[in-house]
Amino acid sequence: MLFTSFQYLIFLPAVVLLYWLLPGKWRLPMLLIASWGFYMTWMPIFILLIAPMTLFNWLWGKLLHNATDKKKLIFGVGVAANLLCLGVFK
């Protein structure tokens, strides 16, 4: 789905409406699923990349949040891992 397609013209308002209709605790999971769905309309196999990267970033964020020292190092390694993934698949 392209940003300029008719599908996107329907998809975006539907996601925004659903976001505001859902209770607070369901909003972020819905956005995650909508994001995955958006990317999968272009190339469904990319879920095999996006899902593990989502999990990695969530776990890395928890590690960063719980760290007492070396936060800059942990942050830098996380950014480097994401940039490496971007470089490999771009």
PDB file of N, CA and C in Angstrom:
ATOM      1  N   MET A   1       0.850  -1.168   0.000  1.00  0.00           N
ATOM      2  CA  MET A   1       0.000   0.000   0.000  1.00  0.00           C
ATOM      3  C   MET A   1       0.898   1.234   0.000  1.00  0.00           C
ATOM      4  N   LEU A   2       0.674   2.093  -0.931  1.00  0.00           N
ATOM      5  CA  LEU A   2       1.433   3.336  -1.018  1.00  0.00           C
ATOM      6  C   LEU A   2       0.697   4.457  -0.288  1.00  0.00           C
ATOM      7  N   PHE A   3       1.439   5.456   0.143  1.00  0.00           N
ATOM      8  CA  PHE A   3       0.832   6.589   0.826  1.00  0.00           C
ATOM      9  C   PHE A   3      -0.134   7.345  -0.088  1.00  0.00           C
ATOM     10  N   THR A   4       0.051   7.228  -1.379  1.00  0.00           N
ATOM     11  CA  THR A   4      -0.785   7.944  -2.339  1.00  0.00           C
ATOM     12  C   THR A   4      -1.915   7.079  -2.895  1.00  0.00           C
ATOM     13  N   SER A   5      -2.097   5.876  -2.375  1.00  0.00           N
ATOM     14  CA  SER A   5      -3.115   4.966  -2.900  1.00  0.00           C
ATOM     15  C   SER A   5      -4.478   5.204  -2.249  1.00  0.00           C
ATOM     16  N   PHE A   6      -5.505   4.723  -2.920  1.00  0.00           N
ATOM     17  CA  PHE A   6      -6.861   4.803  -2.375  1.00  0.00           C
ATOM     18  C   PHE A   6      -6.974   3.955  -1.106  1.00  0.00           C
ATOM     19  N   GLN A   7      -6.275   2.813  -1.093  1.00  0.00           N
ATOM     20  CA  GLN A   7      -6.279   1.948   0.092  1.00  0.00           C
ATOM     21  C   GLN A   7      -5.815   2.716   1.326  1.00  0.00           C
ATOM     22  N   TYR A   8      -4.749   3.496   1.161  1.00  0.00           N
ATOM     23  CA  TYR A   8      -4.215   4.255   2.290  1.00  0.00           C
ATOM     24  C   TYR A   8      -5.192   5.344   2.718  1.00  0.00           C
ATOM     25  N   LEU A   9      -5.904   5.898   1.750  1.00  0.00           N
ATOM     26  CA  LEU A   9      -6.902   6.926   2.047  1.00  0.00           C
ATOM     27  C   LEU A   9      -8.006   6.366   2.948  1.00  0.00           C
ATOM     28  N   ILE A  10      -8.278   5.083   2.834  1.00  0.00           N
ATOM     29  CA  ILE A  10      -9.255   4.413   3.703  1.00  0.00           C
ATOM     30  C   ILE A  10      -8.586   3.930   4.998  1.00  0.00           C
ATOM     31  N   PHE A  11      -7.372   3.388   4.864  1.00  0.00           N
ATOM     32  CA  PHE A  11      -6.653   2.793   5.994  1.00  0.00           C
ATOM     33  C   PHE A  11      -6.366   3.813   7.105  1.00  0.00           C
ATOM     34  N   LEU A  12      -5.818   4.957   6.749  1.00  0.00           N
ATOM     35  CA  LEU A  12      -5.408   5.936   7.761  1.00  0.00           C
ATOM     36  C   LEU A  12      -6.575   6.442   8.601  1.00  0.00           C
ATOM     37  N   PRO A  13      -7.669   6.926   8.001  1.00  0.00           N
ATOM     38  CA  PRO A  13      -8.782   7.365   8.863  1.00  0.00           C
ATOM     39  C   PRO A  13      -9.374   6.228   9.701  1.00  0.00           C
ATOM     40  N   ALA A  14      -9.380   5.007   9.152  1.00  0.00           N
ATOM     41  CA  ALA A  14      -9.900   3.869   9.917  1.00  0.00           C
ATOM     42  C   ALA A  14      -9.039   3.617  11.148  1.00  0.00           C
ATOM     43  N   VAL A  15      -7.718   3.689  10.994  1.00  0.00           N
ATOM     44  CA  VAL A  15      -6.808   3.471  12.128  1.00  0.00           C
ATOM     45  C   VAL A  15      -6.954   4.599  13.147  1.00  0.00           C
ATOM     46  N   VAL A  16      -7.035   5.832  12.678  1.00  0.00           N
ATOM     47  CA  VAL A  16      -7.181   6.971  13.599  1.00  0.00           C
ATOM     48  C   VAL A  16      -8.503   6.856  14.367  1.00  0.00           C
ATOM     49  N   LEU A  17      -9.576   6.535  13.671  1.00  0.00           N
ATOM     50  CA  LEU A  17     -10.876   6.383  14.325  1.00  0.00           C
ATOM     51  C   LEU A  17     -10.849   5.250  15.350  1.00  0.00           C
ATOM     52  N   LEU A  18     -10.284   4.127  14.952  1.00  0.00           N
ATOM     53  CA  LEU A  18     -10.191   2.986  15.862  1.00  0.00           C
ATOM     54  C   LEU A  18      -9.343   3.337  17.085  1.00  0.00           C
ATOM     55  N   TYR A  19      -8.277   4.085  16.869  1.00  0.00           N
ATOM     56  CA  TYR A  19      -7.420   4.512  17.972  1.00  0.00           C
ATOM     57  C   TYR A  19      -8.231   5.278  19.018  1.00  0.00           C
ATOM     58  N   TRP A  20      -9.053   6.215  18.575  1.00  0.00           N
ATOM     59  CA  TRP A  20      -9.800   7.043  19.520  1.00  0.00           C
ATOM     60  C   TRP A  20     -11.003   6.321  20.112  1.00  0.00           C
ATOM     61  N   LEU A  21     -11.487   5.283  19.444  1.00  0.00           N
ATOM     62  CA  LEU A  21     -12.623   4.533  19.977  1.00  0.00           C
ATOM     63  C   LEU A  21     -12.220   3.482  21.008  1.00  0.00           C
ATOM     64  N   LEU A  22     -10.996   3.009  20.911  1.00  0.00           N
ATOM     65  CA  LEU A  22     -10.540   1.956  21.816  1.00  0.00           C
ATOM     66  C   LEU A  22     -10.171   2.522  23.187  1.00  0.00           C
ATOM     67  N   PRO A  23     -10.317   1.704  24.243  1.00  0.00           N
ATOM     68  CA  PRO A  23      -9.826   2.130  25.563  1.00  0.00           C
ATOM     69  C   PRO A  23      -8.305   2.281  25.536  1.00  0.00           C
ATOM     70  N   GLY A  24      -7.788   3.067  26.442  1.00  0.00           N
ATOM     71  CA  GLY A  24      -6.369   3.401  26.470  1.00  0.00           C
ATOM     72  C   GLY A  24      -5.411   2.233  26.393  1.00  0.00           C
ATOM     73  N   LYS A  25      -5.711   1.141  27.099  1.00  0.00           N
ATOM     74  CA  LYS A  25      -4.755   0.029  27.133  1.00  0.00           C
ATOM     75  C   LYS A  25      -4.686  -0.733  25.811  1.00  0.00           C
ATOM     76  N   TRP A  26      -5.643  -0.553  24.923  1.00  0.00           N
ATOM     77  CA  TRP A  26      -5.653  -1.257  23.642  1.00  0.00           C
ATOM     78  C   TRP A  26      -5.120  -0.409  22.488  1.00  0.00           C
ATOM     79  N   ARG A  27      -4.828   0.850  22.738  1.00  0.00           N
ATOM     80  CA  ARG A  27      -4.412   1.741  21.653  1.00  0.00           C
ATOM     81  C   ARG A  27      -3.043   1.389  21.075  1.00  0.00           C
ATOM     82  N   LEU A  28      -2.062   1.202  21.933  1.00  0.00           N
ATOM     83  CA  LEU A  28      -0.720   0.892  21.431  1.00  0.00           C
ATOM     84  C   LEU A  28      -0.650  -0.465  20.741  1.00  0.00           C
ATOM     85  N   PRO A  29      -1.259  -1.516  21.299  1.00  0.00           N
ATOM     86  CA  PRO A  29      -1.261  -2.788  20.554  1.00  0.00           C
ATOM     87  C   PRO A  29      -1.953  -2.665  19.189  1.00  0.00           C
ATOM     88  N   MET A  30      -3.033  -1.888  19.121  1.00  0.00           N
ATOM     89  CA  MET A  30      -3.721  -1.699  17.840  1.00  0.00           C
ATOM     90  C   MET A  30      -2.813  -0.979  16.846  1.00  0.00           C
ATOM     91  N   LEU A  31      -2.079   0.028  17.305  1.00  0.00           N
ATOM     92  CA  LEU A  31      -1.155   0.739  16.416  1.00  0.00           C
ATOM     93  C   LEU A  31      -0.040  -0.179  15.927  1.00  0.00           C
ATOM     94  N   LEU A  32       0.429  -1.064  16.796  1.00  0.00           N
ATOM     95  CA  LEU A  32       1.460  -2.022  16.403  1.00  0.00           C
ATOM     96  C   LEU A  32       0.933  -2.954  15.321  1.00  0.00           C
ATOM     97  N   ILE A  33      -0.254  -3.487  15.526  1.00  0.00           N
ATOM     98  CA  ILE A  33      -0.850  -4.395  14.538  1.00  0.00           C
ATOM     99  C   ILE A  33      -1.137  -3.660  13.234  1.00  0.00           C
ATOM    100  N   ALA A  34      -1.630  -2.431  13.319  1.00  0.00           N
ATOM    101  CA  ALA A  34      -1.894  -1.645  12.107  1.00  0.00           C
ATOM    102  C   ALA A  34      -0.587  -1.366  11.356  1.00  0.00           C
ATOM    103  N   SER A  35       0.464  -1.076  12.094  1.00  0.00           N
ATOM    104  CA  SER A  35       1.763  -0.825  11.473  1.00  0.00           C
ATOM    105  C   SER A  35       2.280  -2.068  10.768  1.00  0.00           C
ATOM    106  N   TRP A  36       2.210  -3.203  11.452  1.00  0.00           N
ATOM    107  CA  TRP A  36       2.630  -4.466  10.828  1.00  0.00           C
ATOM    108  C   TRP A  36       1.784  -4.755   9.597  1.00  0.00           C
ATOM    109  N   GLY A  37       0.492  -4.542   9.699  1.00  0.00           N
ATOM    110  CA  GLY A  37      -0.396  -4.767   8.558  1.00  0.00           C
ATOM    111  C   GLY A  37      -0.056  -3.870   7.389  1.00  0.00           C
ATOM    112  N   PHE A  38       0.252  -2.611   7.680  1.00  0.00           N
ATOM    113  CA  PHE A  38       0.630  -1.668   6.634  1.00  0.00           C
ATOM    114  C   PHE A  38       1.868  -2.150   5.885  1.00  0.00           C
ATOM    115  N   TYR A  39       2.893  -2.542   6.610  1.00  0.00           N
ATOM    116  CA  TYR A  39       4.117  -3.016   5.968  1.00  0.00           C
ATOM    117  C   TYR A  39       3.909  -4.337   5.246  1.00  0.00           C
ATOM    118  N   MET A  40       3.052  -5.180   5.777  1.00  0.00           N
ATOM    119  CA  MET A  40       2.822  -6.487   5.157  1.00  0.00           C
ATOM    120  C   MET A  40       2.020  -6.390   3.860  1.00  0.00           C
ATOM    121  N   THR A  41       1.316  -5.283   3.634  1.00  0.00           N
ATOM    122  CA  THR A  41       0.611  -5.149   2.360  1.00  0.00           C
ATOM    123  C   THR A  41       1.596  -5.006   1.207  1.00  0.00           C
ATOM    124  N   TRP A  42       2.788  -4.545   1.499  1.00  0.00           N
ATOM    125  CA  TRP A  42       3.791  -4.395   0.456  1.00  0.00           C
ATOM    126  C   TRP A  42       4.554  -5.695   0.229  1.00  0.00           C
ATOM    127  N   MET A  43       5.034  -6.305   1.320  1.00  0.00           N
ATOM    128  CA  MET A  43       5.807  -7.539   1.226  1.00  0.00           C
ATOM    129  C   MET A  43       5.576  -8.342   2.512  1.00  0.00           C
ATOM    130  N   PRO A  44       4.641  -9.304   2.484  1.00  0.00           N
ATOM    131  CA  PRO A  44       4.275 -10.036   3.709  1.00  0.00           C
ATOM    132  C   PRO A  44       5.446 -10.734   4.400  1.00  0.00           C
ATOM    133  N   ILE A  45       6.446 -11.139   3.669  1.00  0.00           N
ATOM    134  CA  ILE A  45       7.587 -11.854   4.256  1.00  0.00           C
ATOM    135  C   ILE A  45       8.361 -10.967   5.237  1.00  0.00           C
ATOM    136  N   PHE A  46       8.202  -9.647   5.110  1.00  0.00           N
ATOM    137  CA  PHE A  46       8.934  -8.732   5.989  1.00  0.00           C
ATOM    138  C   PHE A  46       8.489  -8.818   7.442  1.00  0.00           C
ATOM    139  N   ILE A  47       7.383  -9.502   7.718  1.00  0.00           N
ATOM    140  CA  ILE A  47       6.988  -9.700   9.113  1.00  0.00           C
ATOM    141  C   ILE A  47       8.065 -10.500   9.846  1.00  0.00           C
ATOM    142  N   LEU A  48       8.808 -11.310   9.085  1.00  0.00           N
ATOM    143  CA  LEU A  48       9.898 -12.092   9.686  1.00  0.00           C
ATOM    144  C   LEU A  48      11.067 -11.202  10.111  1.00  0.00           C
ATOM    145  N   LEU A  49      11.105  -9.996   9.628  1.00  0.00           N
ATOM    146  CA  LEU A  49      12.105  -9.018  10.057  1.00  0.00           C
ATOM    147  C   LEU A  49      11.518  -8.054  11.091  1.00  0.00           C
ATOM    148  N   ILE A  50      10.306  -7.586  10.820  1.00  0.00           N
ATOM    149  CA  ILE A  50       9.718  -6.551  11.662  1.00  0.00           C
ATOM    150  C   ILE A  50       9.378  -7.079  13.062  1.00  0.00           C
ATOM    151  N   ALA A  51       8.823  -8.272  13.154  1.00  0.00           N
ATOM    152  CA  ALA A  51       8.434  -8.813  14.465  1.00  0.00           C
ATOM    153  C   ALA A  51       9.643  -9.016  15.386  1.00  0.00           C
ATOM    154  N   PRO A  52      10.729  -9.667  14.915  1.00  0.00           N
ATOM    155  CA  PRO A  52      11.894  -9.790  15.804  1.00  0.00           C
ATOM    156  C   PRO A  52      12.529  -8.441  16.161  1.00  0.00           C
ATOM    157  N   MET A  53      12.518  -7.500  15.217  1.00  0.00           N
ATOM    158  CA  MET A  53      13.089  -6.183  15.521  1.00  0.00           C
ATOM    159  C   MET A  53      12.220  -5.455  16.550  1.00  0.00           C
ATOM    160  N   THR A  54      10.918  -5.634  16.467  1.00  0.00           N
ATOM    161  CA  THR A  54      10.025  -5.044  17.467  1.00  0.00           C
ATOM    162  C   THR A  54      10.330  -5.622  18.844  1.00  0.00           C
ATOM    163  N   LEU A  55      10.451  -6.929  18.908  1.00  0.00           N
ATOM    164  CA  LEU A  55      10.762  -7.593  20.179  1.00  0.00           C
ATOM    165  C   LEU A  55      12.121  -7.142  20.710  1.00  0.00           C
ATOM    166  N   PHE A  56      13.122  -7.094  19.833  1.00  0.00           N
ATOM    167  CA  PHE A  56      14.451  -6.643  20.235  1.00  0.00           C
ATOM    168  C   PHE A  56      14.396  -5.231  20.826  1.00  0.00           C
ATOM    169  N   ASN A  57      13.730  -4.320  20.125  1.00  0.00           N
ATOM    170  CA  ASN A  57      13.677  -2.936  20.587  1.00  0.00           C
ATOM    171  C   ASN A  57      12.895  -2.790  21.884  1.00  0.00           C
ATOM    172  N   TRP A  58      11.850  -3.583  22.051  1.00  0.00           N
ATOM    173  CA  TRP A  58      11.084  -3.547  23.300  1.00  0.00           C
ATOM    174  C   TRP A  58      11.953  -4.036  24.460  1.00  0.00           C
ATOM    175  N   LEU A  59      12.638  -5.173  24.249  1.00  0.00           N
ATOM    176  CA  LEU A  59      13.506  -5.713  25.299  1.00  0.00           C
ATOM    177  C   LEU A  59      14.678  -4.773  25.579  1.00  0.00           C
ATOM    178  N   TRP A  60      15.245  -4.192  24.522  1.00  0.00           N
ATOM    179  CA  TRP A  60      16.371  -3.273  24.694  1.00  0.00           C
ATOM    180  C   TRP A  60      15.925  -2.014  25.446  1.00  0.00           C
ATOM    181  N   GLY A  61      14.716  -1.559  25.176  1.00  0.00           N
ATOM    182  CA  GLY A  61      14.173  -0.417  25.903  1.00  0.00           C
ATOM    183  C   GLY A  61      13.992  -0.722  27.375  1.00  0.00           C
ATOM    184  N   LYS A  62      13.534  -1.931  27.699  1.00  0.00           N
ATOM    185  CA  LYS A  62      13.403  -2.336  29.103  1.00  0.00           C
ATOM    186  C   LYS A  62      14.780  -2.386  29.773  1.00  0.00           C
ATOM    187  N   LEU A  63      15.772  -2.913  29.051  1.00  0.00           N
ATOM    188  CA  LEU A  63      17.135  -2.959  29.580  1.00  0.00           C
ATOM    189  C   LEU A  63      17.650  -1.542  29.841  1.00  0.00           C
ATOM    190  N   LEU A  64      17.412  -0.651  28.918  1.00  0.00           N
ATOM    191  CA  LEU A  64      17.857   0.737  29.064  1.00  0.00           C
ATOM    192  C   LEU A  64      17.142   1.405  30.237  1.00  0.00           C
ATOM    193  N   HIS A  65      15.858   1.144  30.374  1.00  0.00           N
ATOM    194  CA  HIS A  65      15.088   1.744  31.460  1.00  0.00           C
ATOM    195  C   HIS A  65      15.582   1.268  32.827  1.00  0.00           C
ATOM    196  N   ASN A  66      15.940  -0.005  32.928  1.00  0.00           N
ATOM    197  CA  ASN A  66      16.357  -0.578  34.207  1.00  0.00           C
ATOM    198  C   ASN A  66      17.842  -0.367  34.512  1.00  0.00           C
ATOM    199  N   ALA A  67      18.601   0.108  33.555  1.00  0.00           N
ATOM    200  CA  ALA A  67      20.045   0.298  33.763  1.00  0.00           C
ATOM    201  C   ALA A  67      20.288   1.454  34.728  1.00  0.00           C
ATOM    202  N   THR A  68      21.281   1.266  35.566  1.00  0.00           N
ATOM    203  CA  THR A  68      21.641   2.335  36.497  1.00  0.00           C
ATOM    204  C   THR A  68      22.878   3.099  36.020  1.00  0.00           C
ATOM    205  N   ASP A  69      23.746   2.402  35.309  1.00  0.00           N
ATOM    206  CA  ASP A  69      24.912   3.064  34.739  1.00  0.00           C
ATOM    207  C   ASP A  69      25.098   2.570  33.305  1.00  0.00           C
ATOM    208  N   LYS A  70      25.947   3.219  32.579  1.00  0.00           N
ATOM    209  CA  LYS A  70      26.246   2.884  31.187  1.00  0.00           C
ATOM    210  C   LYS A  70      25.025   3.009  30.271  1.00  0.00           C
ATOM    211  N   LYS A  71      24.134   3.950  30.596  1.00  0.00           N
ATOM    212  CA  LYS A  71      22.945   4.146  29.769  1.00  0.00           C
ATOM    213  C   LYS A  71      23.314   4.600  28.356  1.00  0.00           C
ATOM    214  N   LYS A  72      24.325   5.439  28.246  1.00  0.00           N
ATOM    215  CA  LYS A  72      24.739   5.916  26.924  1.00  0.00           C
ATOM    216  C   LYS A  72      25.265   4.771  26.072  1.00  0.00           C
ATOM    217  N   LEU A  73      25.995   3.868  26.689  1.00  0.00           N
ATOM    218  CA  LEU A  73      26.528   2.714  25.966  1.00  0.00           C
ATOM    219  C   LEU A  73      25.393   1.806  25.494  1.00  0.00           C
ATOM    220  N   ILE A  74      24.453   1.521  26.374  1.00  0.00           N
ATOM    221  CA  ILE A  74      23.318   0.660  26.021  1.00  0.00           C
ATOM    222  C   ILE A  74      22.501   1.305  24.906  1.00  0.00           C
ATOM    223  N   PHE A  75      22.268   2.592  25.026  1.00  0.00           N
ATOM    224  CA  PHE A  75      21.532   3.315  23.992  1.00  0.00           C
ATOM    225  C   PHE A  75      22.275   3.254  22.662  1.00  0.00           C
ATOM    226  N   GLY A  76      23.565   3.498  22.689  1.00  0.00           N
ATOM    227  CA  GLY A  76      24.381   3.481  21.480  1.00  0.00           C
ATOM    228  C   GLY A  76      24.394   2.124  20.794  1.00  0.00           C
ATOM    229  N   VAL A  77      24.475   1.069  21.576  1.00  0.00           N
ATOM    230  CA  VAL A  77      24.456  -0.290  21.009  1.00  0.00           C
ATOM    231  C   VAL A  77      23.092  -0.568  20.365  1.00  0.00           C
ATOM    232  N   GLY A  78      22.032  -0.121  20.996  1.00  0.00           N
ATOM    233  CA  GLY A  78      20.701  -0.308  20.429  1.00  0.00           C
ATOM    234  C   GLY A  78      20.529   0.430  19.111  1.00  0.00           C
ATOM    235  N   VAL A  79      20.996   1.666  19.063  1.00  0.00           N
ATOM    236  CA  VAL A  79      20.925   2.448  17.820  1.00  0.00           C
ATOM    237  C   VAL A  79      21.786   1.796  16.746  1.00  0.00           C
ATOM    238  N   ALA A  80      22.982   1.351  17.120  1.00  0.00           N
ATOM    239  CA  ALA A  80      23.880   0.703  16.154  1.00  0.00           C
ATOM    240  C   ALA A  80      23.254  -0.580  15.599  1.00  0.00           C
ATOM    241  N   ALA A  81      22.590  -1.365  16.454  1.00  0.00           N
ATOM    242  CA  ALA A  81      21.941  -2.602  15.998  1.00  0.00           C
ATOM    243  C   ALA A  81      20.835  -2.292  14.996  1.00  0.00           C
ATOM    244  N   ASN A  82      20.058  -1.249  15.252  1.00  0.00           N
ATOM    245  CA  ASN A  82      18.989  -0.856  14.342  1.00  0.00           C
ATOM    246  C   ASN A  82      19.554  -0.323  13.023  1.00  0.00           C
ATOM    247  N   LEU A  83      20.616   0.468  13.094  1.00  0.00           N
ATOM    248  CA  LEU A  83      21.240   0.982  11.886  1.00  0.00           C
ATOM    249  C   LEU A  83      21.877  -0.135  11.065  1.00  0.00           C
ATOM    250  N   LEU A  84      22.449  -1.112  11.742  1.00  0.00           N
ATOM    251  CA  LEU A  84      23.030  -2.263  11.049  1.00  0.00           C
ATOM    252  C   LEU A  84      21.934  -3.032  10.296  1.00  0.00           C
ATOM    253  N   CYS A  85      20.821  -3.245  10.967  1.00  0.00           N
ATOM    254  CA  CYS A  85      19.698  -3.938  10.325  1.00  0.00           C
ATOM    255  C   CYS A  85      19.202  -3.120   9.120  1.00  0.00           C
ATOM    256  N   LEU A  86      19.081  -1.828   9.291  1.00  0.00           N
ATOM    257  CA  LEU A  86      18.653  -0.962   8.196  1.00  0.00           C
ATOM    258  C   LEU A  86      19.636  -1.027   7.043  1.00  0.00           C
ATOM    259  N   GLY A  87      20.925  -0.984   7.350  1.00  0.00           N
ATOM    260  CA  GLY A  87      21.951  -1.049   6.316  1.00  0.00           C
ATOM    261  C   GLY A  87      21.944  -2.372   5.550  1.00  0.00           C
ATOM    262  N   VAL A  88      21.701  -3.459   6.244  1.00  0.00           N
ATOM    263  CA  VAL A  88      21.690  -4.782   5.596  1.00  0.00           C
ATOM    264  C   VAL A  88      20.484  -4.915   4.675  1.00  0.00           C
ATOM    265  N   PHE A  89      19.327  -4.460   5.117  1.00  0.00           N
ATOM    266  CA  PHE A  89      18.101  -4.697   4.360  1.00  0.00           C
ATOM    267  C   PHE A  89      17.709  -3.542   3.437  1.00  0.00           C
ATOM    268  N   LYS A  90      18.389  -2.441   3.495  1.00  0.00           N
ATOM    269  CA  LYS A  90      18.123  -1.343   2.572  1.00  0.00           C
ATOM    270  C   LYS A  90      18.973  -1.561   1.351  1.00  0.00           C
TER     271      LYS A  90
END
